[in-house]
Amino acid sequence: MSFSMVMELQRAWRRLFRAPGFSLSVIVLFALSVGGAAAIATAGWSLFARPLPYSRAHFRPTRRRARRGSRCAEMSALPTRNFGC
């Protein structure tokens, strides 16, 4: 560690004890922001990045309309057979 880094750490330590209310509020705010970012990242992971919890999850379910004049008005939303369509 360089001499200037040691001096900066000593200065920061002294200021921490000179204004304990400000230091405590900064530490609490930092902890809340890290916790909030972790909560948002976890929610984003579970909503958008985690695989779907059913077999053949790599097939995306879609709703498609059949061609005009077809016997079937709509096709299935799941990747299954559409009998006769």
Protein backbone atom coordinates (compact mmCIF):
# COMPACT_ATOMS: atom_id res chain seq x y z
CA MET A 1 0.00 0.00 0.00
CA SER A 2 1.32 3.39 -0.85
CA PHE A 3 1.81 6.12 1.73
CA SER A 4 -0.97 8.29 0.27
CA MET A 5 -3.46 5.42 0.47
CA VAL A 6 -2.65 4.90 4.16
CA MET A 7 -3.11 8.61 4.81
CA GLU A 8 -6.49 8.58 3.03
CA LEU A 9 -7.67 5.59 5.07
CA GLN A 10 -6.62 7.27 8.32
CA ARG A 11 -8.44 10.44 7.29
CA ALA A 12 -11.58 8.49 6.40
CA TRP A 13 -11.49 6.66 9.74
CA ARG A 14 -11.20 9.96 11.66
CA ARG A 15 -14.09 11.52 9.73
CA LEU A 16 -16.20 8.44 10.42
CA PHE A 17 -15.98 9.11 14.15
CA ARG A 18 -16.33 12.90 13.91
CA ALA A 19 -19.78 12.68 12.31
CA PRO A 20 -21.33 9.37 13.41
CA GLY A 21 -24.90 10.33 12.39
CA PHE A 22 -23.88 11.11 8.84
CA SER A 23 -21.73 7.98 8.64
CA LEU A 24 -24.55 5.80 9.91
CA SER A 25 -27.01 7.29 7.43
CA VAL A 26 -24.59 6.74 4.53
CA ILE A 27 -24.00 3.12 5.58
CA VAL A 28 -27.75 2.45 5.93
CA LEU A 29 -28.49 4.07 2.56
CA PHE A 30 -25.76 2.03 0.91
CA ALA A 31 -27.08 -1.20 2.46
CA LEU A 32 -30.64 -0.43 1.33
CA SER A 33 -29.54 0.34 -2.21
CA VAL A 34 -27.53 -2.88 -2.47
CA GLY A 35 -30.48 -4.85 -1.08
CA GLY A 36 -32.90 -3.19 -3.50
CA ALA A 37 -30.63 -3.89 -6.46
CA ALA A 38 -30.35 -7.53 -5.39
CA ALA A 39 -34.14 -7.81 -5.07
CA ILE A 40 -34.70 -6.33 -8.53
CA ALA A 41 -32.04 -8.60 -10.05
CA THR A 42 -33.62 -11.65 -8.41
CA ALA A 43 -37.09 -10.71 -9.66
CA GLY A 44 -35.74 -10.11 -13.15
CA TRP A 45 -33.99 -13.47 -13.13
CA SER A 46 -37.11 -15.33 -12.04
CA LEU A 47 -39.34 -13.55 -14.54
CA PHE A 48 -37.18 -13.38 -17.65
CA ALA A 49 -34.11 -15.61 -17.50
CA ARG A 50 -35.11 -18.77 -15.64
CA PRO A 51 -36.42 -21.63 -17.79
CA LEU A 52 -40.14 -22.31 -17.71
CA PRO A 53 -41.21 -25.04 -15.27
CA TYR A 54 -42.73 -27.56 -17.69
CA SER A 55 -41.46 -30.20 -20.04
CA ARG A 56 -40.36 -29.01 -23.47
CA ALA A 57 -39.93 -25.48 -22.12
CA HIS A 58 -37.68 -24.57 -25.03
CA PHE A 59 -40.77 -24.45 -27.29
CA ARG A 60 -42.37 -21.05 -26.82
CA PRO A 61 -46.16 -21.20 -26.62
CA THR A 62 -47.79 -19.01 -29.24
CA ARG A 63 -51.32 -18.29 -30.38
CA ARG A 64 -51.72 -18.34 -34.12
CA ARG A 65 -54.74 -17.77 -36.27
CA ALA A 66 -55.57 -20.35 -38.90
CA ARG A 67 -55.80 -19.39 -42.53
CA ARG A 68 -58.96 -17.85 -43.83
CA GLY A 69 -61.47 -20.50 -44.78
CA SER A 70 -59.89 -23.15 -42.58
CA ARG A 71 -62.03 -25.47 -40.49
CA CYS A 72 -60.32 -24.35 -37.27
CA ALA A 73 -60.72 -20.81 -36.02
CA GLU A 74 -57.64 -20.91 -33.80
CA MET A 75 -54.80 -23.26 -33.22
CA SER A 76 -53.69 -24.49 -29.85
CA ALA A 77 -51.49 -22.28 -27.67
CA LEU A 78 -49.44 -25.29 -26.56
CA PRO A 79 -47.00 -27.15 -28.79
CA THR A 80 -49.35 -30.12 -29.24
CA ARG A 81 -51.04 -31.62 -32.26
CA ASN A 82 -53.97 -29.78 -33.75
CA PHE A 83 -56.05 -32.63 -35.12
CA GLY A 84 -57.33 -31.85 -38.57
CA CYS A 85 -56.09 -28.25 -38.66
